[in-house]
Amino acid sequence: MDQLKSVVDKKTSDWLNDEKMNQYLNPETLFRPKKFEIYLNSKSKVPKAEAEDNGKYKNIKTTHIDNVTGEMWVTGG
């Protein structure tokens, strides 16, 4: 479960505010076997301190993954 959350957090940080890439924030893309390991082992493109400093991601509170359905969603504040 921690690995799933890690991929969701990394790619959300990288893609949420990217108009081209945010369409790929979905389970089919994030958990595709060919890409999952790559995403899991990647470093986020947006350093955490930078994201916090400029407030880009201030509305993101929590990433959720449903254990039964595998559905993923991000809640904001």
PDB file of N, CA and C in Angstrom:
ATOM      1  N   MET A   1       0.817  -1.190   0.000  1.00  0.00           N
ATOM      2  CA  MET A   1       0.000   0.000   0.000  1.00  0.00           C
ATOM      3  C   MET A   1       0.868   1.264   0.000  1.00  0.00           C
ATOM      4  N   ASP A   2       1.971   1.240   0.722  1.00  0.00           N
ATOM      5  CA  ASP A   2       2.853   2.409   0.767  1.00  0.00           C
ATOM      6  C   ASP A   2       3.425   2.731  -0.609  1.00  0.00           C
ATOM      7  N   GLN A   3       3.713   1.683  -1.387  1.00  0.00           N
ATOM      8  CA  GLN A   3       4.246   1.904  -2.732  1.00  0.00           C
ATOM      9  C   GLN A   3       3.198   2.562  -3.629  1.00  0.00           C
ATOM     10  N   LEU A   4       1.964   2.146  -3.504  1.00  0.00           N
ATOM     11  CA  LEU A   4       0.897   2.757  -4.297  1.00  0.00           C
ATOM     12  C   LEU A   4       0.761   4.236  -3.957  1.00  0.00           C
ATOM     13  N   LYS A   5       0.747   4.533  -2.683  1.00  0.00           N
ATOM     14  CA  LYS A   5       0.631   5.926  -2.245  1.00  0.00           C
ATOM     15  C   LYS A   5       1.820   6.752  -2.705  1.00  0.00           C
ATOM     16  N   SER A   6       3.004   6.161  -2.665  1.00  0.00           N
ATOM     17  CA  SER A   6       4.198   6.866  -3.098  1.00  0.00           C
ATOM     18  C   SER A   6       4.106   7.269  -4.573  1.00  0.00           C
ATOM     19  N   VAL A   7       3.666   6.347  -5.412  1.00  0.00           N
ATOM     20  CA  VAL A   7       3.515   6.652  -6.844  1.00  0.00           C
ATOM     21  C   VAL A   7       2.470   7.748  -7.042  1.00  0.00           C
ATOM     22  N   VAL A   8       1.351   7.630  -6.360  1.00  0.00           N
ATOM     23  CA  VAL A   8       0.297   8.639  -6.487  1.00  0.00           C
ATOM     24  C   VAL A   8       0.815   9.995  -6.045  1.00  0.00           C
ATOM     25  N   ASP A   9       1.508  10.062  -4.926  1.00  0.00           N
ATOM     26  CA  ASP A   9       2.026  11.334  -4.425  1.00  0.00           C
ATOM     27  C   ASP A   9       3.047  11.944  -5.375  1.00  0.00           C
ATOM     28  N   LYS A  10       3.970  11.123  -5.875  1.00  0.00           N
ATOM     29  CA  LYS A  10       5.007  11.633  -6.790  1.00  0.00           C
ATOM     30  C   LYS A  10       4.398  12.177  -8.074  1.00  0.00           C
ATOM     31  N   LYS A  11       3.528  11.386  -8.684  1.00  0.00           N
ATOM     32  CA  LYS A  11       2.968  11.806  -9.969  1.00  0.00           C
ATOM     33  C   LYS A  11       1.968  12.945  -9.798  1.00  0.00           C
ATOM     34  N   THR A  12       1.257  12.994  -8.673  1.00  0.00           N
ATOM     35  CA  THR A  12       0.373  14.127  -8.420  1.00  0.00           C
ATOM     36  C   THR A  12       1.193  15.401  -8.310  1.00  0.00           C
ATOM     37  N   SER A  13       2.291  15.321  -7.594  1.00  0.00           N
ATOM     38  CA  SER A  13       3.174  16.476  -7.461  1.00  0.00           C
ATOM     39  C   SER A  13       3.706  16.927  -8.816  1.00  0.00           C
ATOM     40  N   ASP A  14       4.073  15.976  -9.654  1.00  0.00           N
ATOM     41  CA  ASP A  14       4.643  16.289 -10.967  1.00  0.00           C
ATOM     42  C   ASP A  14       3.607  16.748 -11.986  1.00  0.00           C
ATOM     43  N   TRP A  15       2.431  16.154 -11.966  1.00  0.00           N
ATOM     44  CA  TRP A  15       1.492  16.319 -13.076  1.00  0.00           C
ATOM     45  C   TRP A  15       0.246  17.138 -12.787  1.00  0.00           C
ATOM     46  N   LEU A  16      -0.097  17.370 -11.540  1.00  0.00           N
ATOM     47  CA  LEU A  16      -1.380  18.001 -11.233  1.00  0.00           C
ATOM     48  C   LEU A  16      -1.554  19.353 -11.923  1.00  0.00           C
ATOM     49  N   ASN A  17      -0.541  20.166 -11.925  1.00  0.00           N
ATOM     50  CA  ASN A  17      -0.639  21.501 -12.518  1.00  0.00           C
ATOM     51  C   ASN A  17      -0.051  21.566 -13.919  1.00  0.00           C
ATOM     52  N   ASP A  18       0.158  20.425 -14.530  1.00  0.00           N
ATOM     53  CA  ASP A  18       0.675  20.332 -15.892  1.00  0.00           C
ATOM     54  C   ASP A  18      -0.500  19.971 -16.805  1.00  0.00           C
ATOM     55  N   GLU A  19      -0.942  20.929 -17.615  1.00  0.00           N
ATOM     56  CA  GLU A  19      -2.134  20.712 -18.446  1.00  0.00           C
ATOM     57  C   GLU A  19      -1.999  19.512 -19.369  1.00  0.00           C
ATOM     58  N   LYS A  20      -0.796  19.235 -19.833  1.00  0.00           N
ATOM     59  CA  LYS A  20      -0.578  18.106 -20.739  1.00  0.00           C
ATOM     60  C   LYS A  20      -0.640  16.770 -19.993  1.00  0.00           C
ATOM     61  N   MET A  21      -0.084  16.723 -18.780  1.00  0.00           N
ATOM     62  CA  MET A  21       0.083  15.459 -18.074  1.00  0.00           C
ATOM     63  C   MET A  21      -1.011  15.135 -17.069  1.00  0.00           C
ATOM     64  N   ASN A  22      -1.762  16.122 -16.585  1.00  0.00           N
ATOM     65  CA  ASN A  22      -2.725  15.836 -15.506  1.00  0.00           C
ATOM     66  C   ASN A  22      -3.820  14.861 -15.927  1.00  0.00           C
ATOM     67  N   GLN A  23      -4.035  14.707 -17.226  1.00  0.00           N
ATOM     68  CA  GLN A  23      -5.020  13.724 -17.696  1.00  0.00           C
ATOM     69  C   GLN A  23      -4.596  12.287 -17.379  1.00  0.00           C
ATOM     70  N   TYR A  24      -3.302  12.101 -17.088  1.00  0.00           N
ATOM     71  CA  TYR A  24      -2.787  10.767 -16.805  1.00  0.00           C
ATOM     72  C   TYR A  24      -2.813  10.405 -15.319  1.00  0.00           C
ATOM     73  N   LEU A  25      -3.370  11.275 -14.499  1.00  0.00           N
ATOM     74  CA  LEU A  25      -3.501  10.976 -13.071  1.00  0.00           C
ATOM     75  C   LEU A  25      -4.703  10.074 -12.866  1.00  0.00           C
ATOM     76  N   ASN A  26      -4.553   8.827 -13.246  1.00  0.00           N
ATOM     77  CA  ASN A  26      -5.615   7.844 -13.111  1.00  0.00           C
ATOM     78  C   ASN A  26      -4.981   6.477 -12.860  1.00  0.00           C
ATOM     79  N   PRO A  27      -5.720   5.572 -12.244  1.00  0.00           N
ATOM     80  CA  PRO A  27      -5.151   4.261 -11.899  1.00  0.00           C
ATOM     81  C   PRO A  27      -4.619   3.482 -13.102  1.00  0.00           C
ATOM     82  N   GLU A  28      -5.281   3.593 -14.232  1.00  0.00           N
ATOM     83  CA  GLU A  28      -4.840   2.840 -15.414  1.00  0.00           C
ATOM     84  C   GLU A  28      -3.420   3.229 -15.812  1.00  0.00           C
ATOM     85  N   THR A  29      -3.110   4.494 -15.741  1.00  0.00           N
ATOM     86  CA  THR A  29      -1.772   4.962 -16.088  1.00  0.00           C
ATOM     87  C   THR A  29      -0.780   4.706 -14.957  1.00  0.00           C
ATOM     88  N   LEU A  30      -1.135   5.110 -13.756  1.00  0.00           N
ATOM     89  CA  LEU A  30      -0.187   5.045 -12.642  1.00  0.00           C
ATOM     90  C   LEU A  30       0.197   3.631 -12.245  1.00  0.00           C
ATOM     91  N   PHE A  31      -0.729   2.695 -12.380  1.00  0.00           N
ATOM     92  CA  PHE A  31      -0.469   1.339 -11.907  1.00  0.00           C
ATOM     93  C   PHE A  31      -0.244   0.334 -13.037  1.00  0.00           C
ATOM     94  N   ARG A  32      -0.026   0.842 -14.243  1.00  0.00           N
ATOM     95  CA  ARG A  32       0.293  -0.025 -15.378  1.00  0.00           C
ATOM     96  C   ARG A  32       1.604  -0.756 -15.076  1.00  0.00           C
ATOM     97  N   PRO A  33       1.621  -2.071 -15.188  1.00  0.00           N
ATOM     98  CA  PRO A  33       2.815  -2.836 -14.813  1.00  0.00           C
ATOM     99  C   PRO A  33       4.117  -2.357 -15.470  1.00  0.00           C
ATOM    100  N   LYS A  34       4.059  -1.944 -16.728  1.00  0.00           N
ATOM    101  CA  LYS A  34       5.272  -1.497 -17.425  1.00  0.00           C
ATOM    102  C   LYS A  34       5.848  -0.219 -16.819  1.00  0.00           C
ATOM    103  N   LYS A  35       4.997   0.627 -16.262  1.00  0.00           N
ATOM    104  CA  LYS A  35       5.426   1.933 -15.769  1.00  0.00           C
ATOM    105  C   LYS A  35       5.524   2.040 -14.253  1.00  0.00           C
ATOM    106  N   PHE A  36       4.815   1.184 -13.528  1.00  0.00           N
ATOM    107  CA  PHE A  36       4.726   1.331 -12.080  1.00  0.00           C
ATOM    108  C   PHE A  36       6.100   1.398 -11.416  1.00  0.00           C
ATOM    109  N   GLU A  37       6.990   0.467 -11.737  1.00  0.00           N
ATOM    110  CA  GLU A  37       8.330   0.451 -11.126  1.00  0.00           C
ATOM    111  C   GLU A  37       9.108   1.721 -11.460  1.00  0.00           C
ATOM    112  N   ILE A  38       8.950   2.203 -12.687  1.00  0.00           N
ATOM    113  CA  ILE A  38       9.627   3.441 -13.092  1.00  0.00           C
ATOM    114  C   ILE A  38       9.118   4.600 -12.245  1.00  0.00           C
ATOM    115  N   TYR A  39       7.799   4.705 -12.122  1.00  0.00           N
ATOM    116  CA  TYR A  39       7.224   5.781 -11.312  1.00  0.00           C
ATOM    117  C   TYR A  39       7.612   5.644  -9.849  1.00  0.00           C
ATOM    118  N   LEU A  40       7.618   4.426  -9.350  1.00  0.00           N
ATOM    119  CA  LEU A  40       7.944   4.186  -7.948  1.00  0.00           C
ATOM    120  C   LEU A  40       9.377   4.621  -7.634  1.00  0.00           C
ATOM    121  N   ASN A  41      10.298   4.336  -8.539  1.00  0.00           N
ATOM    122  CA  ASN A  41      11.712   4.635  -8.301  1.00  0.00           C
ATOM    123  C   ASN A  41      12.141   6.015  -8.775  1.00  0.00           C
ATOM    124  N   SER A  42      11.217   6.770  -9.348  1.00  0.00           N
ATOM    125  CA  SER A  42      11.563   8.101  -9.847  1.00  0.00           C
ATOM    126  C   SER A  42      11.576   9.112  -8.702  1.00  0.00           C
ATOM    127  N   LYS A  43      12.294  10.168  -8.920  1.00  0.00           N
ATOM    128  CA  LYS A  43      12.278  11.296  -7.995  1.00  0.00           C
ATOM    129  C   LYS A  43      11.237  12.278  -8.513  1.00  0.00           C
ATOM    130  N   SER A  44      10.540  12.919  -7.619  1.00  0.00           N
ATOM    131  CA  SER A  44       9.569  13.913  -8.033  1.00  0.00           C
ATOM    132  C   SER A  44      10.293  15.044  -8.745  1.00  0.00           C
ATOM    133  N   LYS A  45       9.703  15.549  -9.819  1.00  0.00           N
ATOM    134  CA  LYS A  45      10.312  16.649 -10.569  1.00  0.00           C
ATOM    135  C   LYS A  45      10.164  17.975  -9.843  1.00  0.00           C
ATOM    136  N   VAL A  46       9.192  18.049  -8.949  1.00  0.00           N
ATOM    137  CA  VAL A  46       8.957  19.275  -8.197  1.00  0.00           C
ATOM    138  C   VAL A  46       9.438  19.057  -6.774  1.00  0.00           C
ATOM    139  N   PRO A  47      10.546  19.691  -6.402  1.00  0.00           N
ATOM    140  CA  PRO A  47      11.027  19.514  -5.022  1.00  0.00           C
ATOM    141  C   PRO A  47       9.956  19.936  -4.027  1.00  0.00           C
ATOM    142  N   LYS A  48       9.819  19.161  -2.968  1.00  0.00           N
ATOM    143  CA  LYS A  48       8.769  19.413  -1.982  1.00  0.00           C
ATOM    144  C   LYS A  48       8.843  20.831  -1.421  1.00  0.00           C
ATOM    145  N   ALA A  49      10.024  21.299  -1.089  1.00  0.00           N
ATOM    146  CA  ALA A  49      10.167  22.642  -0.527  1.00  0.00           C
ATOM    147  C   ALA A  49       9.693  23.691  -1.528  1.00  0.00           C
ATOM    148  N   GLU A  50      10.008  23.491  -2.810  1.00  0.00           N
ATOM    149  CA  GLU A  50       9.585  24.445  -3.840  1.00  0.00           C
ATOM    150  C   GLU A  50       8.072  24.462  -3.956  1.00  0.00           C
ATOM    151  N   ALA A  51       7.464  23.303  -3.953  1.00  0.00           N
ATOM    152  CA  ALA A  51       6.003  23.215  -4.058  1.00  0.00           C
ATOM    153  C   ALA A  51       5.347  23.909  -2.875  1.00  0.00           C
ATOM    154  N   GLU A  52       5.906  23.748  -1.693  1.00  0.00           N
ATOM    155  CA  GLU A  52       5.338  24.384  -0.509  1.00  0.00           C
ATOM    156  C   GLU A  52       5.595  25.883  -0.534  1.00  0.00           C
ATOM    157  N   ASP A  53       6.785  26.293  -0.987  1.00  0.00           N
ATOM    158  CA  ASP A  53       7.142  27.701  -0.988  1.00  0.00           C
ATOM    159  C   ASP A  53       6.262  28.533  -1.906  1.00  0.00           C
ATOM    160  N   ASN A  54       5.981  28.025  -3.088  1.00  0.00           N
ATOM    161  CA  ASN A  54       5.214  28.840  -4.020  1.00  0.00           C
ATOM    162  C   ASN A  54       3.712  28.605  -3.929  1.00  0.00           C
ATOM    163  N   GLY A  55       3.286  27.727  -3.047  1.00  0.00           N
ATOM    164  CA  GLY A  55       1.869  27.498  -2.818  1.00  0.00           C
ATOM    165  C   GLY A  55       1.146  26.777  -3.941  1.00  0.00           C
ATOM    166  N   LYS A  56       1.890  26.241  -4.883  1.00  0.00           N
ATOM    167  CA  LYS A  56       1.299  25.580  -6.041  1.00  0.00           C
ATOM    168  C   LYS A  56       0.354  24.462  -5.653  1.00  0.00           C
ATOM    169  N   TYR A  57       0.691  23.737  -4.598  1.00  0.00           N
ATOM    170  CA  TYR A  57      -0.083  22.566  -4.214  1.00  0.00           C
ATOM    171  C   TYR A  57      -0.793  22.761  -2.882  1.00  0.00           C
ATOM    172  N   LYS A  58      -1.069  23.991  -2.520  1.00  0.00           N
ATOM    173  CA  LYS A  58      -1.649  24.264  -1.208  1.00  0.00           C
ATOM    174  C   LYS A  58      -3.036  23.673  -1.019  1.00  0.00           C
ATOM    175  N   ASN A  59      -3.748  23.398  -2.112  1.00  0.00           N
ATOM    176  CA  ASN A  59      -5.096  22.862  -1.984  1.00  0.00           C
ATOM    177  C   ASN A  59      -5.137  21.344  -1.887  1.00  0.00           C
ATOM    178  N   ILE A  60      -4.001  20.693  -2.064  1.00  0.00           N
ATOM    179  CA  ILE A  60      -3.976  19.237  -1.970  1.00  0.00           C
ATOM    180  C   ILE A  60      -3.818  18.853  -0.505  1.00  0.00           C
ATOM    181  N   LYS A  61      -4.754  18.101  -0.015  1.00  0.00           N
ATOM    182  CA  LYS A  61      -4.694  17.652   1.373  1.00  0.00           C
ATOM    183  C   LYS A  61      -4.248  16.197   1.464  1.00  0.00           C
ATOM    184  N   THR A  62      -4.950  15.304   0.786  1.00  0.00           N
ATOM    185  CA  THR A  62      -4.719  13.878   0.965  1.00  0.00           C
ATOM    186  C   THR A  62      -4.964  13.130  -0.330  1.00  0.00           C
ATOM    187  N   THR A  63      -4.157  12.116  -0.572  1.00  0.00           N
ATOM    188  CA  THR A  63      -4.383  11.195  -1.676  1.00  0.00           C
ATOM    189  C   THR A  63      -4.976   9.926  -1.098  1.00  0.00           C
ATOM    190  N   HIS A  64      -6.045   9.434  -1.695  1.00  0.00           N
ATOM    191  CA  HIS A  64      -6.727   8.243  -1.200  1.00  0.00           C
ATOM    192  C   HIS A  64      -6.728   7.153  -2.256  1.00  0.00           C
ATOM    193  N   ILE A  65      -6.541   5.927  -1.840  1.00  0.00           N
ATOM    194  CA  ILE A  65      -6.692   4.775  -2.711  1.00  0.00           C
ATOM    195  C   ILE A  65      -7.642   3.806  -2.011  1.00  0.00           C
ATOM    196  N   ASP A  66      -8.723   3.469  -2.682  1.00  0.00           N
ATOM    197  CA  ASP A  66      -9.698   2.532  -2.128  1.00  0.00           C
ATOM    198  C   ASP A  66      -9.121   1.123  -2.215  1.00  0.00           C
ATOM    199  N   ASN A  67      -8.993   0.447  -1.088  1.00  0.00           N
ATOM    200  CA  ASN A  67      -8.402  -0.894  -1.050  1.00  0.00           C
ATOM    201  C   ASN A  67      -9.211  -1.934  -1.809  1.00  0.00           C
ATOM    202  N   VAL A  68     -10.493  -1.725  -1.939  1.00  0.00           N
ATOM    203  CA  VAL A  68     -11.360  -2.707  -2.589  1.00  0.00           C
ATOM    204  C   VAL A  68     -11.433  -2.470  -4.095  1.00  0.00           C
ATOM    205  N   THR A  69     -11.739  -1.242  -4.491  1.00  0.00           N
ATOM    206  CA  THR A  69     -11.947  -0.951  -5.914  1.00  0.00           C
ATOM    207  C   THR A  69     -10.685  -0.489  -6.626  1.00  0.00           C
ATOM    208  N   GLY A  70      -9.690  -0.030  -5.867  1.00  0.00           N
ATOM    209  CA  GLY A  70      -8.474   0.501  -6.481  1.00  0.00           C
ATOM    210  C   GLY A  70      -8.639   1.930  -6.976  1.00  0.00           C
ATOM    211  N   GLU A  71      -9.812   2.529  -6.715  1.00  0.00           N
ATOM    212  CA  GLU A  71     -10.033   3.900  -7.150  1.00  0.00           C
ATOM    213  C   GLU A  71      -9.134   4.857  -6.387  1.00  0.00           C
ATOM    214  N   MET A  72      -8.717   5.906  -7.053  1.00  0.00           N
ATOM    215  CA  MET A  72      -7.810   6.878  -6.459  1.00  0.00           C
ATOM    216  C   MET A  72      -8.440   8.260  -6.590  1.00  0.00           C
ATOM    217  N   TRP A  73      -8.282   9.080  -5.560  1.00  0.00           N
ATOM    218  CA  TRP A  73      -8.729  10.450  -5.637  1.00  0.00           C
ATOM    219  C   TRP A  73      -7.911  11.319  -4.709  1.00  0.00           C
ATOM    220  N   VAL A  74      -7.902  12.611  -5.002  1.00  0.00           N
ATOM    221  CA  VAL A  74      -7.181  13.583  -4.193  1.00  0.00           C
ATOM    222  C   VAL A  74      -8.210  14.548  -3.641  1.00  0.00           C
ATOM    223  N   THR A  75      -8.151  14.783  -2.346  1.00  0.00           N
ATOM    224  CA  THR A  75      -9.063  15.737  -1.732  1.00  0.00           C
ATOM    225  C   THR A  75      -8.315  17.019  -1.476  1.00  0.00           C
ATOM    226  N   GLY A  76      -8.993  18.115  -1.604  1.00  0.00           N
ATOM    227  CA  GLY A  76      -8.385  19.415  -1.381  1.00  0.00           C
ATOM    228  C   GLY A  76      -9.037  20.153  -0.247  1.00  0.00           C
ATOM    229  N   GLY A  77      -8.470  21.285   0.055  1.00  0.00           N
ATOM    230  CA  GLY A  77      -9.003  22.053   1.175  1.00  0.00           C
ATOM    231  C   GLY A  77      -9.565  23.355   0.765  1.00  0.00           C
TER     232      GLY A  77
END
